Amino acid sequence: MRQFVGGTLFHRLGAKRLIVGALLVQGLIQLSIPLTNSWLVYIALMTGLGFTFNLSFPAIQAFIGFRWKEQRRELFNIVYVANNLGMAIGTSLAGVIATSCGEQERSMEVSILPPGSSATAERPQPATLQPAS
């Protein structure tokens, strides 16, 4: 559905305006993610990020298809591979950054737990079921 909206906006606004606008909004959303302490705001920002990505990606593909008709297949593949590389490298870097932060990240994990519980506390074992007599 979101890609349908992106395709429609591509024809109404044009490739340049849609791609640049969506990428600017994506950048603003990504810059605001570390500034939030609320899970609801985080969820809203991530939803907005996914929506704006789905606005720009069909526009980029359509622009490639209209602009370079002879090299369309190669350029689609390059964009696809670059997107996958970005996802893989970004996820890997996020893991490295998260492990290097150590205790700072644990404070956020503990803040979402109910009062009186701990992320490192032992959890009670479930009761074993006894066969009915």
N, C-alpha and C. Protein backbone atom coordinates (compact mmCIF):
# COMPACT_ATOMS: atom_id res chain seq x y z
N MET A 1 0.83 -1.20 0.00
CA MET A 1 0.00 0.00 0.00
C MET A 1 0.87 1.26 0.00
N ARG A 2 1.92 1.24 0.84
CA ARG A 2 2.77 2.42 0.93
C ARG A 2 3.53 2.66 -0.37
N GLN A 3 3.90 1.57 -1.05
CA GLN A 3 4.60 1.73 -2.32
C GLN A 3 3.66 2.29 -3.38
N PHE A 4 2.39 1.99 -3.28
CA PHE A 4 1.40 2.57 -4.19
C PHE A 4 1.36 4.08 -4.00
N VAL A 5 1.39 4.51 -2.74
CA VAL A 5 1.40 5.95 -2.46
C VAL A 5 2.68 6.58 -3.01
N GLY A 6 3.82 5.88 -2.86
CA GLY A 6 5.08 6.39 -3.40
C GLY A 6 5.04 6.53 -4.92
N GLY A 7 4.46 5.55 -5.59
CA GLY A 7 4.34 5.63 -7.05
C GLY A 7 3.43 6.75 -7.50
N THR A 8 2.33 6.94 -6.76
CA THR A 8 1.41 8.03 -7.09
C THR A 8 2.08 9.39 -6.90
N LEU A 9 2.79 9.54 -5.78
CA LEU A 9 3.48 10.81 -5.53
C LEU A 9 4.60 11.05 -6.54
N PHE A 10 5.20 9.96 -7.04
CA PHE A 10 6.23 10.10 -8.06
C PHE A 10 5.67 10.81 -9.29
N HIS A 11 4.46 10.42 -9.69
CA HIS A 11 3.87 11.03 -10.89
C HIS A 11 3.34 12.43 -10.61
N ARG A 12 2.96 12.72 -9.39
CA ARG A 12 2.43 14.06 -9.07
C ARG A 12 3.52 15.08 -8.78
N LEU A 13 4.54 14.66 -8.00
CA LEU A 13 5.58 15.61 -7.58
C LEU A 13 6.80 15.60 -8.47
N GLY A 14 7.06 14.48 -9.10
CA GLY A 14 8.29 14.33 -9.87
C GLY A 14 9.33 13.58 -9.05
N ALA A 15 10.28 13.02 -9.75
CA ALA A 15 11.28 12.16 -9.10
C ALA A 15 12.15 12.93 -8.13
N LYS A 16 12.69 14.06 -8.57
CA LYS A 16 13.65 14.79 -7.74
C LYS A 16 13.01 15.27 -6.45
N ARG A 17 11.86 15.89 -6.55
CA ARG A 17 11.22 16.43 -5.35
C ARG A 17 10.83 15.33 -4.38
N LEU A 18 10.32 14.22 -4.89
CA LEU A 18 9.90 13.14 -4.01
C LEU A 18 11.10 12.46 -3.36
N ILE A 19 12.12 12.15 -4.13
CA ILE A 19 13.28 11.45 -3.58
C ILE A 19 14.00 12.32 -2.56
N VAL A 20 14.27 13.56 -2.91
CA VAL A 20 14.98 14.46 -1.98
C VAL A 20 14.13 14.72 -0.74
N GLY A 21 12.85 14.96 -0.92
CA GLY A 21 11.97 15.21 0.23
C GLY A 21 11.88 14.01 1.16
N ALA A 22 11.70 12.83 0.59
CA ALA A 22 11.61 11.62 1.42
C ALA A 22 12.93 11.34 2.13
N LEU A 23 14.05 11.56 1.45
CA LEU A 23 15.35 11.33 2.10
C LEU A 23 15.61 12.35 3.21
N LEU A 24 15.18 13.59 3.02
CA LEU A 24 15.32 14.59 4.09
C LEU A 24 14.49 14.21 5.31
N VAL A 25 13.26 13.79 5.08
CA VAL A 25 12.40 13.37 6.20
C VAL A 25 12.99 12.14 6.88
N GLN A 26 13.53 11.19 6.10
CA GLN A 26 14.18 10.02 6.69
C GLN A 26 15.36 10.44 7.56
N GLY A 27 16.15 11.38 7.08
CA GLY A 27 17.28 11.86 7.86
C GLY A 27 16.85 12.51 9.17
N LEU A 28 15.81 13.33 9.11
CA LEU A 28 15.30 13.97 10.33
C LEU A 28 14.78 12.94 11.32
N ILE A 29 14.08 11.94 10.82
CA ILE A 29 13.57 10.89 11.70
C ILE A 29 14.74 10.14 12.33
N GLN A 30 15.74 9.79 11.54
CA GLN A 30 16.87 9.05 12.08
C GLN A 30 17.66 9.87 13.09
N LEU A 31 17.74 11.17 12.89
CA LEU A 31 18.42 12.01 13.88
C LEU A 31 17.62 12.15 15.17
N SER A 32 16.29 12.03 15.09
CA SER A 32 15.47 12.18 16.29
C SER A 32 15.31 10.89 17.08
N ILE A 33 15.63 9.74 16.49
CA ILE A 33 15.47 8.47 17.21
C ILE A 33 16.31 8.42 18.49
N PRO A 34 17.59 8.79 18.47
CA PRO A 34 18.36 8.71 19.72
C PRO A 34 17.91 9.71 20.79
N LEU A 35 17.14 10.69 20.41
CA LEU A 35 16.72 11.72 21.36
C LEU A 35 15.47 11.36 22.15
N THR A 36 14.86 10.23 21.85
CA THR A 36 13.62 9.88 22.52
C THR A 36 13.86 8.87 23.64
N ASN A 37 13.06 8.98 24.67
CA ASN A 37 13.09 8.04 25.79
C ASN A 37 11.80 7.26 25.90
N SER A 38 10.89 7.50 25.01
CA SER A 38 9.57 6.88 25.07
C SER A 38 9.46 5.80 24.01
N TRP A 39 8.93 4.63 24.40
CA TRP A 39 8.74 3.55 23.44
C TRP A 39 7.68 3.91 22.42
N LEU A 40 6.64 4.62 22.82
CA LEU A 40 5.59 4.99 21.87
C LEU A 40 6.12 5.94 20.80
N VAL A 41 6.94 6.89 21.21
CA VAL A 41 7.54 7.82 20.24
C VAL A 41 8.50 7.05 19.34
N TYR A 42 9.26 6.12 19.91
CA TYR A 42 10.18 5.30 19.12
C TYR A 42 9.43 4.49 18.07
N ILE A 43 8.33 3.88 18.47
CA ILE A 43 7.51 3.10 17.53
C ILE A 43 6.96 4.00 16.43
N ALA A 44 6.51 5.19 16.80
CA ALA A 44 5.98 6.12 15.79
C ALA A 44 7.09 6.56 14.83
N LEU A 45 8.28 6.83 15.36
CA LEU A 45 9.39 7.23 14.49
C LEU A 45 9.80 6.10 13.55
N MET A 46 9.86 4.88 14.05
CA MET A 46 10.23 3.76 13.18
C MET A 46 9.16 3.51 12.12
N THR A 47 7.89 3.70 12.48
CA THR A 47 6.81 3.56 11.49
C THR A 47 6.95 4.64 10.42
N GLY A 48 7.24 5.86 10.84
CA GLY A 48 7.45 6.95 9.89
C GLY A 48 8.66 6.70 9.01
N LEU A 49 9.70 6.10 9.58
CA LEU A 49 10.90 5.78 8.79
C LEU A 49 10.59 4.75 7.73
N GLY A 50 9.84 3.72 8.10
CA GLY A 50 9.44 2.71 7.13
C GLY A 50 8.55 3.29 6.04
N PHE A 51 7.65 4.18 6.44
CA PHE A 51 6.75 4.79 5.46
C PHE A 51 7.54 5.65 4.47
N THR A 52 8.46 6.48 4.97
CA THR A 52 9.21 7.35 4.06
C THR A 52 10.17 6.55 3.19
N PHE A 53 10.69 5.42 3.70
CA PHE A 53 11.52 4.56 2.86
C PHE A 53 10.69 4.01 1.71
N ASN A 54 9.47 3.61 2.00
CA ASN A 54 8.61 3.08 0.95
C ASN A 54 8.08 4.17 0.03
N LEU A 55 8.25 5.41 0.39
CA LEU A 55 7.93 6.50 -0.54
C LEU A 55 9.07 6.71 -1.53
N SER A 56 10.30 6.66 -1.02
CA SER A 56 11.44 6.98 -1.88
C SER A 56 11.89 5.81 -2.74
N PHE A 57 11.81 4.59 -2.25
CA PHE A 57 12.36 3.47 -2.99
C PHE A 57 11.65 3.23 -4.32
N PRO A 58 10.31 3.24 -4.40
CA PRO A 58 9.68 3.09 -5.72
C PRO A 58 10.01 4.26 -6.66
N ALA A 59 10.18 5.45 -6.09
CA ALA A 59 10.53 6.59 -6.91
C ALA A 59 11.94 6.43 -7.50
N ILE A 60 12.86 5.90 -6.71
CA ILE A 60 14.21 5.66 -7.20
C ILE A 60 14.17 4.61 -8.32
N GLN A 61 13.41 3.53 -8.10
CA GLN A 61 13.31 2.50 -9.12
C GLN A 61 12.65 3.02 -10.40
N ALA A 62 11.60 3.80 -10.25
CA ALA A 62 10.93 4.36 -11.43
C ALA A 62 11.84 5.33 -12.17
N PHE A 63 12.58 6.12 -11.42
CA PHE A 63 13.51 7.06 -12.03
C PHE A 63 14.57 6.31 -12.84
N ILE A 64 15.09 5.23 -12.28
CA ILE A 64 16.07 4.40 -13.01
C ILE A 64 15.43 3.84 -14.28
N GLY A 65 14.21 3.34 -14.14
CA GLY A 65 13.54 2.74 -15.30
C GLY A 65 13.27 3.72 -16.42
N PHE A 66 12.92 4.97 -16.08
CA PHE A 66 12.63 5.96 -17.11
C PHE A 66 13.91 6.59 -17.67
N ARG A 67 14.91 6.78 -16.84
CA ARG A 67 16.10 7.53 -17.25
C ARG A 67 17.08 6.68 -18.05
N TRP A 68 17.33 5.44 -17.63
CA TRP A 68 18.33 4.60 -18.28
C TRP A 68 17.68 3.30 -18.72
N LYS A 69 16.95 3.34 -19.81
CA LYS A 69 16.19 2.17 -20.27
C LYS A 69 17.09 1.02 -20.70
N GLU A 70 18.24 1.31 -21.28
CA GLU A 70 19.13 0.25 -21.76
C GLU A 70 19.84 -0.46 -20.62
N GLN A 71 20.13 0.25 -19.56
CA GLN A 71 20.89 -0.32 -18.43
C GLN A 71 19.99 -0.60 -17.23
N ARG A 72 18.71 -0.66 -17.45
CA ARG A 72 17.74 -0.79 -16.37
C ARG A 72 18.03 -1.99 -15.47
N ARG A 73 18.25 -3.15 -16.06
CA ARG A 73 18.43 -4.37 -15.28
C ARG A 73 19.68 -4.29 -14.39
N GLU A 74 20.77 -3.81 -14.92
CA GLU A 74 22.00 -3.71 -14.14
C GLU A 74 21.85 -2.71 -13.00
N LEU A 75 21.21 -1.59 -13.29
CA LEU A 75 21.04 -0.57 -12.25
C LEU A 75 20.07 -1.03 -11.16
N PHE A 76 19.02 -1.74 -11.52
CA PHE A 76 18.12 -2.30 -10.50
C PHE A 76 18.89 -3.24 -9.59
N ASN A 77 19.76 -4.07 -10.18
CA ASN A 77 20.56 -4.99 -9.39
C ASN A 77 21.53 -4.26 -8.47
N ILE A 78 22.14 -3.19 -8.98
CA ILE A 78 23.07 -2.42 -8.16
C ILE A 78 22.35 -1.80 -6.97
N VAL A 79 21.18 -1.23 -7.20
CA VAL A 79 20.41 -0.62 -6.11
C VAL A 79 19.99 -1.68 -5.10
N TYR A 80 19.56 -2.84 -5.57
CA TYR A 80 19.14 -3.94 -4.70
C TYR A 80 20.30 -4.43 -3.84
N VAL A 81 21.45 -4.65 -4.46
CA VAL A 81 22.62 -5.13 -3.72
C VAL A 81 23.10 -4.07 -2.73
N ALA A 82 23.12 -2.81 -3.14
CA ALA A 82 23.53 -1.73 -2.24
C ALA A 82 22.60 -1.63 -1.04
N ASN A 83 21.29 -1.80 -1.27
CA ASN A 83 20.34 -1.77 -0.16
C ASN A 83 20.61 -2.91 0.81
N ASN A 84 20.84 -4.11 0.29
CA ASN A 84 21.12 -5.25 1.16
C ASN A 84 22.44 -5.10 1.90
N LEU A 85 23.47 -4.56 1.23
CA LEU A 85 24.75 -4.31 1.90
C LEU A 85 24.58 -3.28 3.02
N GLY A 86 23.81 -2.25 2.74
CA GLY A 86 23.56 -1.24 3.77
C GLY A 86 22.85 -1.81 4.98
N MET A 87 21.88 -2.69 4.74
CA MET A 87 21.17 -3.34 5.85
C MET A 87 22.13 -4.23 6.66
N ALA A 88 22.96 -5.00 5.96
CA ALA A 88 23.88 -5.91 6.65
C ALA A 88 24.95 -5.15 7.43
N ILE A 89 25.55 -4.15 6.79
CA ILE A 89 26.60 -3.38 7.46
C ILE A 89 26.01 -2.57 8.61
N GLY A 90 24.85 -1.96 8.39
CA GLY A 90 24.21 -1.18 9.45
C GLY A 90 23.85 -2.02 10.65
N THR A 91 23.33 -3.22 10.42
CA THR A 91 22.98 -4.11 11.52
C THR A 91 24.22 -4.55 12.26
N SER A 92 25.27 -4.86 11.54
CA SER A 92 26.53 -5.27 12.17
C SER A 92 27.11 -4.14 13.02
N LEU A 93 27.12 -2.94 12.48
CA LEU A 93 27.63 -1.80 13.24
C LEU A 93 26.78 -1.50 14.46
N ALA A 94 25.48 -1.69 14.34
CA ALA A 94 24.60 -1.48 15.49
C ALA A 94 24.96 -2.45 16.62
N GLY A 95 25.28 -3.69 16.26
CA GLY A 95 25.68 -4.67 17.28
C GLY A 95 26.98 -4.27 17.95
N VAL A 96 27.95 -3.80 17.16
CA VAL A 96 29.24 -3.37 17.72
C VAL A 96 29.04 -2.18 18.65
N ILE A 97 28.24 -1.22 18.22
CA ILE A 97 27.99 -0.03 19.04
C ILE A 97 27.26 -0.41 20.31
N ALA A 98 26.27 -1.30 20.20
CA ALA A 98 25.50 -1.70 21.39
C ALA A 98 26.38 -2.41 22.41
N THR A 99 27.29 -3.26 21.94
CA THR A 99 28.17 -3.95 22.90
C THR A 99 29.21 -3.02 23.48
N SER A 100 29.62 -1.99 22.76
CA SER A 100 30.61 -1.07 23.29
C SER A 100 30.01 -0.10 24.29
N CYS A 101 28.70 0.11 24.24
CA CYS A 101 28.05 1.03 25.18
C CYS A 101 27.91 0.42 26.57
N GLY A 102 27.78 -0.89 26.65
CA GLY A 102 27.76 -1.58 27.94
C GLY A 102 26.65 -1.15 28.86
N GLU A 103 27.02 -0.54 29.99
CA GLU A 103 26.09 -0.22 31.06
C GLU A 103 25.06 0.83 30.66
N GLN A 104 25.40 1.72 29.76
CA GLN A 104 24.43 2.74 29.35
C GLN A 104 23.21 2.10 28.71
N GLU A 105 23.42 1.06 27.92
CA GLU A 105 22.30 0.40 27.26
C GLU A 105 21.47 -0.40 28.25
N ARG A 106 22.12 -0.94 29.28
CA ARG A 106 21.36 -1.71 30.27
C ARG A 106 20.37 -0.84 31.02
N SER A 107 20.72 0.43 31.22
CA SER A 107 19.80 1.31 31.95
C SER A 107 18.49 1.46 31.18
N MET A 108 18.54 1.48 29.86
CA MET A 108 17.31 1.56 29.09
C MET A 108 16.53 0.26 29.19
N GLU A 109 17.25 -0.88 29.18
CA GLU A 109 16.58 -2.18 29.30
C GLU A 109 15.89 -2.29 30.64
N VAL A 110 16.55 -1.86 31.71
CA VAL A 110 15.97 -1.96 33.04
C VAL A 110 14.80 -1.00 33.18
N SER A 111 14.86 0.14 32.50
CA SER A 111 13.79 1.13 32.65
C SER A 111 12.45 0.64 32.09
N ILE A 112 12.46 -0.36 31.22
CA ILE A 112 11.19 -0.84 30.68
C ILE A 112 10.62 -1.99 31.49
N LEU A 113 11.40 -2.49 32.46
CA LEU A 113 10.92 -3.59 33.29
C LEU A 113 10.00 -3.06 34.38
N PRO A 114 9.10 -3.90 34.88
CA PRO A 114 8.22 -3.45 35.97
C PRO A 114 9.04 -3.14 37.22
N PRO A 115 8.53 -2.26 38.08
CA PRO A 115 9.26 -1.92 39.31
C PRO A 115 9.51 -3.18 40.14
N GLY A 116 10.71 -3.25 40.71
CA GLY A 116 11.05 -4.37 41.57
C GLY A 116 11.68 -5.54 40.82
N SER A 117 11.70 -5.51 39.51
CA SER A 117 12.32 -6.60 38.77
C SER A 117 13.67 -6.14 38.24
N SER A 118 14.47 -7.09 37.84
CA SER A 118 15.80 -6.79 37.35
C SER A 118 16.07 -7.61 36.10
N ALA A 119 16.84 -7.06 35.19
CA ALA A 119 17.17 -7.78 33.96
C ALA A 119 18.09 -8.95 34.24
N THR A 120 18.86 -8.87 35.34
CA THR A 120 19.80 -9.94 35.65
C THR A 120 19.29 -10.87 36.74
N ALA A 121 18.13 -10.58 37.29
CA ALA A 121 17.60 -11.44 38.36
C ALA A 121 17.20 -12.79 37.81
N GLU A 122 17.32 -13.80 38.67
CA GLU A 122 16.89 -15.13 38.25
C GLU A 122 15.38 -15.17 38.15
N ARG A 123 14.93 -15.81 37.16
CA ARG A 123 13.48 -15.93 36.97
C ARG A 123 13.02 -17.22 37.61
N PRO A 124 11.85 -17.21 38.21
CA PRO A 124 11.36 -18.43 38.83
C PRO A 124 11.09 -19.49 37.78
N GLN A 125 11.38 -20.73 38.13
CA GLN A 125 11.14 -21.84 37.24
C GLN A 125 9.65 -22.16 37.21
N PRO A 126 9.12 -22.54 36.07
CA PRO A 126 7.70 -22.88 36.02
C PRO A 126 7.45 -24.16 36.83
N ALA A 127 6.28 -24.20 37.40
CA ALA A 127 5.92 -25.37 38.20
C ALA A 127 5.80 -26.58 37.28
N THR A 128 6.23 -27.72 37.79
CA THR A 128 6.12 -28.94 36.99
C THR A 128 4.71 -29.46 37.09
N LEU A 129 4.22 -29.97 36.01
CA LEU A 129 2.86 -30.51 35.97
C LEU A 129 2.88 -31.94 36.52
N GLN A 130 1.94 -32.20 37.40
CA GLN A 130 1.79 -33.55 37.94
C GLN A 130 0.64 -34.23 37.21
N PRO A 131 0.82 -35.49 36.88
CA PRO A 131 -0.29 -36.20 36.21
C PRO A 131 -1.51 -36.28 37.12
N ALA A 132 -2.64 -36.16 36.50
CA ALA A 132 -3.91 -36.24 37.27
C ALA A 132 -4.09 -37.68 37.75
N SER A 133 -4.57 -37.81 39.00
CA SER A 133 -4.77 -39.15 39.54
C SER A 133 -6.13 -39.69 39.23
